[in-house]
């Protein structure tokens, strides 16, 4: 049985309004969920720093969300 059938994978993501942020060296970009940057839970401090930077750059309603991924058979 795959690891995530028993233990969902948790990842961090940054949301702004109804969009998500993609973090690139040249800055932040609003994208859909499928293109958003995701981070492991142990990078929370880094993600909080990115959240503050996004706010400082004028992005509104910026917040950190936790994605919980599970695998299921169709």
Protein backbone atom coordinates (compact mmCIF):
# COMPACT_ATOMS: atom_id res chain seq x y z
CA UNK A 1 0.00 0.00 0.00
CA UNK A 2 1.47 3.43 -0.94
CA UNK A 3 2.65 5.64 1.91
CA UNK A 4 0.05 8.31 1.29
CA UNK A 5 -2.94 6.04 1.46
CA UNK A 6 -2.33 5.87 5.20
CA UNK A 7 -0.62 9.24 5.71
CA UNK A 8 -1.83 12.18 3.62
CA UNK A 9 0.94 14.42 2.29
CA UNK A 10 0.75 17.98 3.61
CA UNK A 11 2.20 20.90 1.66
CA UNK A 12 2.12 24.68 2.09
CA UNK A 13 0.83 27.05 -0.57
CA UNK A 14 0.30 30.81 -0.68
CA UNK A 15 -3.08 32.13 -1.75
CA UNK A 16 -3.98 35.69 -2.76
CA UNK A 17 -7.65 36.41 -3.27
CA UNK A 18 -8.96 33.49 -5.32
CA UNK A 19 -5.60 32.83 -7.02
CA UNK A 20 -2.36 31.23 -5.87
CA UNK A 21 1.24 32.43 -6.03
CA UNK A 22 4.02 31.01 -8.10
CA UNK A 23 7.38 32.06 -6.68
CA UNK A 24 10.18 32.59 -9.19
CA UNK A 25 13.54 34.37 -8.93
CA UNK A 26 12.07 37.31 -10.85
CA UNK A 27 9.11 37.68 -8.48
CA UNK A 28 5.60 36.52 -7.64
CA UNK A 29 2.97 35.57 -10.22
CA UNK A 30 -0.72 34.80 -9.74
CA UNK A 31 -1.65 31.40 -11.14
CA UNK A 32 -4.15 28.58 -10.78
CA UNK A 33 -3.68 25.81 -8.25
CA UNK A 34 -2.03 23.54 -10.84
CA UNK A 35 0.86 26.02 -11.38
CA UNK A 36 1.30 27.30 -7.82
CA UNK A 37 4.51 26.90 -5.84
CA UNK A 38 4.22 24.35 -3.04
CA UNK A 39 6.53 23.86 -0.07
CA UNK A 40 7.07 21.09 2.48
CA UNK A 41 5.74 21.74 5.98
CA UNK A 42 9.24 22.13 7.40
CA UNK A 43 9.68 25.30 5.29
CA UNK A 44 6.96 27.22 7.17
CA UNK A 45 9.40 29.98 8.24
CA UNK A 46 10.44 30.53 4.60
CA UNK A 47 6.81 30.55 3.44
CA UNK A 48 5.91 33.11 6.12
CA UNK A 49 8.72 35.33 4.80
CA UNK A 50 7.37 34.96 1.25
CA UNK A 51 3.87 35.80 2.50
CA UNK A 52 5.16 39.06 4.01
CA UNK A 53 7.07 39.93 0.82
CA UNK A 54 3.97 39.33 -1.32
CA UNK A 55 1.95 41.65 0.92
CA UNK A 56 4.69 44.30 0.75
CA UNK A 57 4.57 44.08 -3.06
CA UNK A 58 0.86 44.88 -3.08
CA UNK A 59 -0.79 41.47 -3.29
CA UNK A 60 -4.07 41.50 -1.35
CA UNK A 61 -5.68 38.95 0.94
CA UNK A 62 -2.43 36.94 1.13
CA UNK A 63 -2.55 33.85 3.32
CA UNK A 64 -0.82 30.53 3.78
CA UNK A 65 -2.88 27.42 3.17
CA UNK A 66 -2.14 23.77 3.82
CA UNK A 67 -2.79 21.34 0.98
CA UNK A 68 -3.62 17.82 2.11
CA UNK A 69 -3.04 15.25 -0.64
CA UNK A 70 -4.42 11.76 -0.51
CA UNK A 71 -4.41 9.00 -3.08
CA UNK A 72 -7.55 7.03 -3.91
CA UNK A 73 -8.42 4.51 -6.58
CA UNK A 74 -10.96 5.64 -9.17
